[in-house]
C-alpha atoms as a PDB file:
ATOM      1  CA  MET A   1      -2.144   9.390 -27.861  1.00  0.00           C
ATOM      2  CA  ALA A   2      -5.936   9.628 -27.829  1.00  0.00           C
ATOM      3  CA  GLU A   3      -7.354   9.843 -24.322  1.00  0.00           C
ATOM      4  CA  GLN A   4      -9.441   6.849 -23.276  1.00  0.00           C
ATOM      5  CA  LEU A   5     -11.485   6.103 -20.189  1.00  0.00           C
ATOM      6  CA  HIS A   6      -8.711   4.128 -18.489  1.00  0.00           C
ATOM      7  CA  THR A   7      -6.068   6.775 -19.276  1.00  0.00           C
ATOM      8  CA  ILE A   8      -8.015   9.769 -17.916  1.00  0.00           C
ATOM      9  CA  PRO A   9      -6.966   9.196 -14.260  1.00  0.00           C
ATOM     10  CA  ILE A  10      -3.312   9.241 -15.339  1.00  0.00           C
ATOM     11  CA  SER A  11      -3.816  12.524 -17.187  1.00  0.00           C
ATOM     12  CA  ASP A  12      -5.662  13.975 -14.185  1.00  0.00           C
ATOM     13  CA  ALA A  13      -2.881  12.878 -11.871  1.00  0.00           C
ATOM     14  CA  MET A  14      -0.182  14.547 -13.952  1.00  0.00           C
ATOM     15  CA  GLU A  15      -2.196  17.774 -14.053  1.00  0.00           C
ATOM     16  CA  ASN A  16      -2.773  17.693 -10.266  1.00  0.00           C
ATOM     17  CA  ALA A  17       0.459  15.970  -9.312  1.00  0.00           C
ATOM     18  CA  GLY A  18       1.781  18.254  -6.590  1.00  0.00           C
ATOM     19  CA  GLU A  19       4.663  16.413  -4.959  1.00  0.00           C
ATOM     20  CA  CYS A  20       3.647  13.026  -6.397  1.00  0.00           C
ATOM     21  CA  PRO A  21       1.119  12.062  -9.101  1.00  0.00           C
ATOM     22  CA  PHE A  22       0.762   8.561  -7.696  1.00  0.00           C
ATOM     23  CA  CYS A  23      -0.227   9.908  -4.277  1.00  0.00           C
ATOM     24  CA  TYR A  24      -3.064  11.630  -6.142  1.00  0.00           C
ATOM     25  CA  ILE A  25      -4.072   8.390  -7.880  1.00  0.00           C
ATOM     26  CA  GLU A  26      -3.791   6.336  -4.698  1.00  0.00           C
ATOM     27  CA  ARG A  27      -6.021   8.737  -2.782  1.00  0.00           C
ATOM     28  CA  ARG A  28      -8.659   8.729  -5.539  1.00  0.00           C
ATOM     29  CA  VAL A  29      -8.638   4.934  -5.670  1.00  0.00           C
ATOM     30  CA  GLU A  30      -8.863   4.684  -1.891  1.00  0.00           C
ATOM     31  CA  ASN A  31     -11.738   7.181  -1.777  1.00  0.00           C
ATOM     32  CA  HIS A  32     -13.569   5.176  -4.428  1.00  0.00           C
ATOM     33  CA  SER A  33     -13.068   2.011  -2.360  1.00  0.00           C
ATOM     34  CA  MET A  34     -14.412   3.770   0.730  1.00  0.00           C
ATOM     35  CA  ASP A  35     -17.467   4.902  -1.230  1.00  0.00           C
ATOM     36  CA  TYR A  36     -17.950   1.343  -2.483  1.00  0.00           C
ATOM     37  CA  VAL A  37     -17.800  -0.135   0.999  1.00  0.00           C
ATOM     38  CA  LEU A  38     -19.756   2.500   2.934  1.00  0.00           C
ATOM     39  CA  GLY A  39     -21.329   4.908   0.447  1.00  0.00           C
ATOM     40  CA  HIS A  40     -24.920   5.400  -0.594  1.00  0.00           C
ATOM     41  CA  GLY A  41     -24.789   2.333  -2.869  1.00  0.00           C
ATOM     42  CA  ALA A  42     -24.929   0.294   0.358  1.00  0.00           C
ATOM     43  CA  SER A  43     -22.526  -2.432  -0.782  1.00  0.00           C
ATOM     44  CA  TYR A  44     -22.228  -3.470   2.862  1.00  0.00           C
ATOM     45  CA  MET A  45     -25.834  -4.705   2.686  1.00  0.00           C
ATOM     46  CA  GLU A  46     -24.964  -7.248  -0.024  1.00  0.00           C
ATOM     47  CA  ALA A  47     -24.171 -10.704   1.335  1.00  0.00           C
ATOM     48  CA  ASP A  48     -21.296 -11.395  -1.072  1.00  0.00           C
ATOM     49  CA  ILE A  49     -19.595  -8.097  -0.202  1.00  0.00           C
ATOM     50  CA  ARG A  50     -19.970  -8.675   3.515  1.00  0.00           C
ATOM     51  CA  ASP A  51     -18.542 -12.166   3.039  1.00  0.00           C
ATOM     52  CA  MET A  52     -15.425 -10.643   1.433  1.00  0.00           C
ATOM     53  CA  THR A  53     -15.055  -7.968   4.105  1.00  0.00           C
ATOM     54  CA  ASP A  54     -15.555 -10.612   6.802  1.00  0.00           C
ATOM     55  CA  ARG A  55     -12.850 -12.821   5.302  1.00  0.00           C
ATOM     56  CA  GLN A  56     -10.314 -10.033   4.742  1.00  0.00           C
ATOM     57  CA  GLY A  57     -11.206  -7.616   7.514  1.00  0.00           C
ATOM     58  CA  PHE A  58      -9.646  -4.150   7.688  1.00  0.00           C
ATOM     59  CA  CYS A  59      -6.324  -2.760   8.865  1.00  0.00           C
ATOM     60  CA  ARG A  60      -6.080  -0.210  11.668  1.00  0.00           C
ATOM     61  CA  ALA A  61      -5.492   2.690   9.259  1.00  0.00           C
ATOM     62  CA  HIS A  62      -8.626   1.902   7.265  1.00  0.00           C
ATOM     63  CA  PHE A  63     -10.744   1.378  10.367  1.00  0.00           C
ATOM     64  CA  LYS A  64      -9.815   4.943  11.292  1.00  0.00           C
ATOM     65  CA  LYS A  65     -10.708   6.191   7.809  1.00  0.00           C
ATOM     66  CA  MET A  66     -13.979   4.247   7.900  1.00  0.00           C
ATOM     67  CA  PHE A  67     -14.798   5.896  11.218  1.00  0.00           C
ATOM     68  CA  ASP A  68     -13.961   9.336   9.802  1.00  0.00           C
ATOM     69  CA  TYR A  69     -16.092   8.583   6.735  1.00  0.00           C
ATOM     70  CA  GLY A  70     -19.158   9.011   8.904  1.00  0.00           C
ATOM     71  CA  ASN A  71     -21.595   6.204   8.046  1.00  0.00           C
ATOM     72  CA  SER A  72     -22.099   4.865  11.564  1.00  0.00           C
ATOM     73  CA  LEU A  73     -24.886   2.445  10.633  1.00  0.00           C
ATOM     74  CA  GLY A  74     -22.914   1.064   7.702  1.00  0.00           C
ATOM     75  CA  ASN A  75     -19.876   0.599   9.906  1.00  0.00           C
ATOM     76  CA  ALA A  76     -22.028  -1.122  12.509  1.00  0.00           C
ATOM     77  CA  TRP A  77     -23.407  -3.625   9.973  1.00  0.00           C
ATOM     78  CA  ILE A  78     -19.890  -4.436   8.778  1.00  0.00           C
ATOM     79  CA  LEU A  79     -18.536  -4.707  12.319  1.00  0.00           C
ATOM     80  CA  LYS A  80     -21.377  -6.913  13.519  1.00  0.00           C
ATOM     81  CA  THR A  81     -20.724  -9.710  11.029  1.00  0.00           C
ATOM     82  CA  LEU A  82     -16.963  -9.187  11.197  1.00  0.00           C
ATOM     83  CA  MET A  83     -17.064  -9.608  14.962  1.00  0.00           C
ATOM     84  CA  LEU A  84     -19.197 -12.742  14.587  1.00  0.00           C
ATOM     85  CA  ARG A  85     -16.662 -14.263  12.207  1.00  0.00           C
ATOM     86  CA  HIS A  86     -13.816 -13.414  14.577  1.00  0.00           C
ATOM     87  CA  MET A  87     -15.696 -14.972  17.495  1.00  0.00           C
ATOM     88  CA  ASN A  88     -16.454 -18.169  15.560  1.00  0.00           C
ATOM     89  CA  GLU A  89     -12.823 -18.468  14.450  1.00  0.00           C
ATOM     90  CA  MET A  90     -11.626 -17.689  17.956  1.00  0.00           C
ATOM     91  CA  THR A  91     -13.824 -20.413  19.436  1.00  0.00           C
ATOM     92  CA  LYS A  92     -12.247 -22.979  17.082  1.00  0.00           C
ATOM     93  CA  GLU A  93      -8.738 -21.700  17.823  1.00  0.00           C
ATOM     94  CA  PHE A  94      -9.279 -21.773  21.578  1.00  0.00           C
ATOM     95  CA  LYS A  95     -10.743 -25.271  21.405  1.00  0.00           C
ATOM     96  CA  ALA A  96      -7.781 -26.595  19.414  1.00  0.00           C
ATOM     97  CA  PHE A  97      -5.148 -24.725  21.437  1.00  0.00           C
ATOM     98  CA  ASN A  98      -2.735 -26.808  23.505  1.00  0.00           C
ATOM     99  CA  PRO A  99      -0.684 -24.759  25.997  1.00  0.00           C
ATOM    100  CA  SER A 100       1.844 -27.574  26.383  1.00  0.00           C
ATOM    101  CA  THR A 101       2.947 -27.223  22.751  1.00  0.00           C
ATOM    102  CA  SER A 102       3.047 -23.435  22.829  1.00  0.00           C
ATOM    103  CA  GLY A 103       6.687 -22.680  23.542  1.00  0.00           C
ATOM    104  CA  LYS A 104       9.110 -19.829  22.992  1.00  0.00           C
ATOM    105  CA  LYS A 105       9.660 -20.337  19.268  1.00  0.00           C
ATOM    106  CA  GLY A 106       9.064 -17.055  17.465  1.00  0.00           C
ATOM    107  CA  LEU A 107       9.318 -14.993  20.655  1.00  0.00           C
ATOM    108  CA  PHE A 108      10.166 -11.353  19.894  1.00  0.00           C
ATOM    109  CA  GLY A 109       9.873 -11.935  16.151  1.00  0.00           C
ATOM    110  CA  LYS A 110      12.584 -14.642  15.891  1.00  0.00           C
ATOM    111  CA  GLY A 111      11.043 -17.129  13.490  1.00  0.00           C
ATOM    112  CA  ALA A 112       7.488 -18.303  13.082  1.00  0.00           C
ATOM    113  CA  SER A 113       5.488 -18.734  16.263  1.00  0.00           C
ATOM    114  CA  ASP A 114       4.320 -22.177  17.345  1.00  0.00           C
ATOM    115  CA  ASN A 115       1.415 -20.553  19.189  1.00  0.00           C
ATOM    116  CA  SER A 116      -1.635 -21.184  17.006  1.00  0.00           C
ATOM    117  CA  ILE A 117      -3.564 -18.295  18.575  1.00  0.00           C
ATOM    118  CA  VAL A 118      -0.744 -15.865  17.764  1.00  0.00           C
ATOM    119  CA  ASN A 119      -0.629 -17.189  14.199  1.00  0.00           C
ATOM    120  CA  TRP A 120      -4.382 -16.763  13.800  1.00  0.00           C
ATOM    121  CA  ILE A 121      -4.274 -13.147  14.986  1.00  0.00           C
ATOM    122  CA  GLU A 122      -1.274 -12.375  12.767  1.00  0.00           C
ATOM    123  CA  GLU A 123      -3.081 -13.826   9.776  1.00  0.00           C
ATOM    124  CA  ARG A 124      -6.089 -11.674  10.619  1.00  0.00           C
ATOM    125  CA  GLU A 125      -3.918  -8.563  10.931  1.00  0.00           C
ATOM    126  CA  SER A 126      -2.180  -9.213   7.604  1.00  0.00           C
ATOM    127  CA  SER A 127      -5.218  -8.641   5.366  1.00  0.00           C
ATOM    128  CA  CYS A 128      -7.495  -5.685   4.630  1.00  0.00           C
ATOM    129  CA  PHE A 129     -10.334  -5.490   2.119  1.00  0.00           C
ATOM    130  CA  ILE A 130      -9.620  -1.854   1.242  1.00  0.00           C
ATOM    131  CA  CYS A 131      -5.839  -2.303   1.041  1.00  0.00           C
ATOM    132  CA  THR A 132      -6.322  -5.221  -1.345  1.00  0.00           C
ATOM    133  CA  SER A 133      -8.790  -3.291  -3.490  1.00  0.00           C
ATOM    134  CA  VAL A 134      -6.532  -0.221  -3.622  1.00  0.00           C
ATOM    135  CA  ASN A 135      -3.424  -2.266  -4.449  1.00  0.00           C
ATOM    136  CA  ASN A 136      -5.112  -4.173  -7.262  1.00  0.00           C
ATOM    137  CA  THR A 137      -6.494  -1.025  -8.887  1.00  0.00           C
ATOM    138  CA  PHE A 138      -3.292   0.942  -8.299  1.00  0.00           C
ATOM    139  CA  ASN A 139      -1.212  -1.774  -9.989  1.00  0.00           C
ATOM    140  CA  ALA A 140      -3.508  -1.624 -13.020  1.00  0.00           C
ATOM    141  CA  TYR A 141      -2.978   2.149 -13.218  1.00  0.00           C
ATOM    142  CA  MET A 142       0.778   1.670 -12.952  1.00  0.00           C
ATOM    143  CA  LYS A 143       0.675  -0.598 -16.001  1.00  0.00           C
ATOM    144  CA  THR A 144      -1.438   1.996 -17.839  1.00  0.00           C
ATOM    145  CA  PHE A 145       1.053   4.715 -16.894  1.00  0.00           C
ATOM    146  CA  PHE A 146       3.950   2.851 -18.520  1.00  0.00           C
ATOM    147  CA  ASN A 147       1.893   1.945 -21.583  1.00  0.00           C
ATOM    148  CA  MET A 148       1.153   5.638 -21.979  1.00  0.00           C
ATOM    149  CA  TYR A 149       4.765   6.581 -21.291  1.00  0.00           C
ATOM    150  CA  ARG A 150       5.949   4.373 -24.159  1.00  0.00           C
ATOM    151  CA  ASP A 151       3.435   5.784 -26.649  1.00  0.00           C
ATOM    152  CA  ASP A 152       2.703   9.347 -25.537  1.00  0.00           C
ATOM    153  CA  GLU A 153       5.410  11.974 -25.932  1.00  0.00           C
ATOM    154  CA  ASN A 154       3.269  14.492 -24.053  1.00  0.00           C
ATOM    155  CA  LEU A 155       3.245  12.270 -20.947  1.00  0.00           C
ATOM    156  CA  ARG A 156       7.016  11.912 -21.143  1.00  0.00           C
ATOM    157  CA  LYS A 157       7.287  15.710 -21.172  1.00  0.00           C
ATOM    158  CA  GLN A 158       4.889  15.960 -18.213  1.00  0.00           C
ATOM    159  CA  VAL A 159       6.979  13.527 -16.194  1.00  0.00           C
ATOM    160  CA  ALA A 160      10.190  15.391 -17.039  1.00  0.00           C
ATOM    161  CA  SER A 161       8.693  18.707 -15.898  1.00  0.00           C
ATOM    162  CA  SER A 162       6.992  17.300 -12.771  1.00  0.00           C
ATOM    163  CA  LYS A 163       8.090  17.531  -9.144  1.00  0.00           C
ATOM    164  CA  GLY A 164       9.036  13.860  -9.118  1.00  0.00           C
ATOM    165  CA  PHE A 165       7.516  11.323  -6.735  1.00  0.00           C
ATOM    166  CA  CYS A 166       7.317  10.601  -3.038  1.00  0.00           C
ATOM    167  CA  LEU A 167       9.946   8.019  -2.079  1.00  0.00           C
ATOM    168  CA  SER A 168       7.317   5.291  -1.571  1.00  0.00           C
ATOM    169  CA  HIS A 169       5.973   5.690  -5.085  1.00  0.00           C
ATOM    170  CA  PHE A 170       9.448   6.346  -6.492  1.00  0.00           C
ATOM    171  CA  LYS A 171      10.230   2.763  -5.467  1.00  0.00           C
ATOM    172  CA  VAL A 172       7.067   1.516  -7.196  1.00  0.00           C
ATOM    173  CA  VAL A 173       7.887   3.530 -10.320  1.00  0.00           C
ATOM    174  CA  CYS A 174      11.367   1.990 -10.459  1.00  0.00           C
ATOM    175  CA  GLN A 175       9.833  -1.469 -10.127  1.00  0.00           C
ATOM    176  CA  GLY A 176       7.362  -0.607 -12.896  1.00  0.00           C
ATOM    177  CA  ALA A 177      10.102   0.669 -15.199  1.00  0.00           C
ATOM    178  CA  ASP A 178      12.025  -2.583 -14.788  1.00  0.00           C
ATOM    179  CA  LYS A 179       8.874  -4.574 -15.533  1.00  0.00           C
ATOM    180  CA  TYR A 180       7.247  -2.612 -18.347  1.00  0.00           C
ATOM    181  CA  LEU A 181      10.078  -0.786 -20.163  1.00  0.00           C
ATOM    182  CA  ASN A 182      12.843  -2.353 -22.214  1.00  0.00           C
ATOM    183  CA  GLY A 183      16.193  -1.373 -23.628  1.00  0.00           C
ATOM    184  CA  LYS A 184      16.643   2.222 -24.697  1.00  0.00           C
ATOM    185  CA  MET A 185      13.247   3.334 -23.364  1.00  0.00           C
ATOM    186  CA  ARG A 186      14.102   2.086 -19.865  1.00  0.00           C
ATOM    187  CA  GLU A 187      17.518   3.759 -20.013  1.00  0.00           C
ATOM    188  CA  GLU A 188      15.972   7.054 -21.130  1.00  0.00           C
ATOM    189  CA  PHE A 189      13.368   6.809 -18.387  1.00  0.00           C
ATOM    190  CA  TYR A 190      16.007   6.415 -15.658  1.00  0.00           C
ATOM    191  CA  ASN A 191      18.123   9.168 -17.201  1.00  0.00           C
ATOM    192  CA  THR A 192      15.109  11.441 -16.698  1.00  0.00           C
ATOM    193  CA  LEU A 193      13.876   9.996 -13.420  1.00  0.00           C
ATOM    194  CA  LEU A 194      16.992   9.938 -11.259  1.00  0.00           C
ATOM    195  CA  PRO A 195      18.125  13.555 -11.641  1.00  0.00           C
ATOM    196  CA  LEU A 196      14.477  14.663 -11.445  1.00  0.00           C
ATOM    197  CA  GLU A 197      14.015  12.918  -8.106  1.00  0.00           C
ATOM    198  CA  ALA A 198      17.305  14.203  -6.716  1.00  0.00           C
ATOM    199  CA  GLU A 199      16.511  17.765  -7.797  1.00  0.00           C
ATOM    200  CA  ASN A 200      13.086  17.720  -6.178  1.00  0.00           C
ATOM    201  CA  LEU A 201      14.213  16.153  -2.917  1.00  0.00           C
ATOM    202  CA  ASP A 202      16.794  18.922  -2.747  1.00  0.00           C
ATOM    203  CA  ARG A 203      14.051  21.496  -3.435  1.00  0.00           C
ATOM    204  CA  VAL A 204      11.881  20.177  -0.607  1.00  0.00           C
ATOM    205  CA  TYR A 205      14.890  20.029   1.719  1.00  0.00           C
ATOM    206  CA  GLU A 206      15.622  23.702   1.026  1.00  0.00           C
ATOM    207  CA  ASP A 207      11.985  24.534   1.786  1.00  0.00           C
ATOM    208  CA  ILE A 208      11.943  22.719   5.130  1.00  0.00           C
ATOM    209  CA  ALA A 209      15.331  24.190   6.051  1.00  0.00           C
ATOM    210  CA  TRP A 210      14.096  27.711   5.287  1.00  0.00           C
ATOM    211  CA  PHE A 211      10.877  27.035   7.225  1.00  0.00           C
ATOM    212  CA  ILE A 212      13.054  26.517  10.319  1.00  0.00           C
ATOM    213  CA  GLU A 213      15.226  29.546   9.575  1.00  0.00           C
ATOM    214  CA  LYS A 214      12.110  31.706   9.227  1.00  0.00           C
ATOM    215  CA  TYR A 215      11.473  31.236  12.961  1.00  0.00           C
ATOM    216  CA  ASP A 216      14.783  32.906  13.742  1.00  0.00           C
ATOM    217  CA  TYR A 217      14.086  36.459  14.914  1.00  0.00           C
ATOM    218  CA  LYS A 218      16.502  37.941  12.409  1.00  0.00           C
ATOM    219  CA  ASN A 219      14.372  36.493   9.591  1.00  0.00           C
ATOM    220  CA  LYS A 220      10.988  37.644  10.934  1.00  0.00           C
ATOM    221  CA  ASP A 221      10.525  40.111   8.060  1.00  0.00           C
ATOM    222  CA  ALA A 222      11.982  37.831   5.388  1.00  0.00           C
ATOM    223  CA  ASP A 223       9.799  36.228   2.734  1.00  0.00           C
ATOM    224  CA  TRP A 224       8.498  32.722   3.432  1.00  0.00           C
ATOM    225  CA  LYS A 225       9.374  31.801  -0.163  1.00  0.00           C
ATOM    226  CA  ASP A 226       7.766  28.401  -0.836  1.00  0.00           C
ATOM    227  CA  SER A 227       8.139  27.086   2.702  1.00  0.00           C
ATOM    228  CA  LYS A 228       4.770  27.769   4.352  1.00  0.00           C
ATOM    229  CA  ASP A 229       3.502  24.254   3.607  1.00  0.00           C
ATOM    230  CA  ALA A 230       6.935  22.621   3.791  1.00  0.00           C
ATOM    231  CA  VAL A 231       6.080  20.354   6.745  1.00  0.00           C
ATOM    232  CA  GLN A 232       3.282  18.451   5.018  1.00  0.00           C
ATOM    233  CA  ARG A 233       5.123  18.393   1.697  1.00  0.00           C
ATOM    234  CA  THR A 234       8.251  16.974   3.325  1.00  0.00           C
ATOM    235  CA  MET A 235       6.190  14.310   5.088  1.00  0.00           C
ATOM    236  CA  GLN A 236       4.596  13.403   1.754  1.00  0.00           C
ATOM    237  CA  LYS A 237       7.925  13.348  -0.078  1.00  0.00           C
ATOM    238  CA  LEU A 238       9.410  10.957   2.471  1.00  0.00           C
ATOM    239  CA  ARG A 239       6.498   8.544   2.983  1.00  0.00           C
ATOM    240  CA  GLY A 240       3.640   9.412   0.611  1.00  0.00           C
ATOM    241  CA  GLY A 241       0.180  10.798   1.230  1.00  0.00           C
ATOM    242  CA  ASP A 242      -0.628  14.388   2.115  1.00  0.00           C
ATOM    243  CA  PRO A 243      -1.279  14.722   5.878  1.00  0.00           C
ATOM    244  CA  SER A 244      -2.895  18.135   5.374  1.00  0.00           C
ATOM    245  CA  LEU A 245      -5.838  16.730   3.385  1.00  0.00           C
ATOM    246  CA  ALA A 246      -9.180  16.415   5.173  1.00  0.00           C
ATOM    247  CA  PRO A 247     -10.640  12.916   5.688  1.00  0.00           C
ATOM    248  CA  HIS A 248     -12.823  11.541   2.910  1.00  0.00           C
ATOM    249  CA  VAL A 249     -16.410  11.594   4.209  1.00  0.00           C
ATOM    250  CA  ILE A 250     -19.768  10.359   2.967  1.00  0.00           C
ATOM    251  CA  LYS A 251     -21.580  12.708   0.623  1.00  0.00           C
ATOM    252  CA  ARG A 252     -24.670  14.108   2.279  1.00  0.00           C
END
């Protein structure tokens, strides 16, 4: 299959897969979104972009990553208008709020709340401009991955010889296989995928188990084998992402 612009990230991911090729793709997409929001292109200075970021806001995780990114002035511009929107919405919510109709429905997560202020905050917390951007782009790459898998024997071989996927992306891959593959191709995919995933979870388990054993005095002179980075790899295998990677920061 001839490599095209939209297939290059998939090829790059398979070549740099580590414990999960889709963790690699997700990080690249997220970094691109961070650059778009806060990078030297100054998207945050454009009214239409700020309108979108004001409407969607940012989750706690991406606020932290935006802070680590390092563009304090850009963050300040975004936060100024975002705060203003929150304050305007809050004023309307407070004005319309009636304490007499705000009961115990939904207390401790049991059903929807009848407190309009709680509902407003929950709606605010449920959206994030960067999460939405990453998810949309990531889903497009997932479709590309399965299109390539159907047509490119080399990619099928790369998947079969890979270290599998983190469990989070393993779920997404299974969902993608059900959506984009049919009949014999889907069956062959699962026949490759399931033993591959089991084998590689077992491999990582052995690494983390040996990492612990290495701290036993009797093993002080034993070889570390492949366990020196077992902690971060096990974390990635279980939940995705590589906690050992440095934050993505603005290019100086």
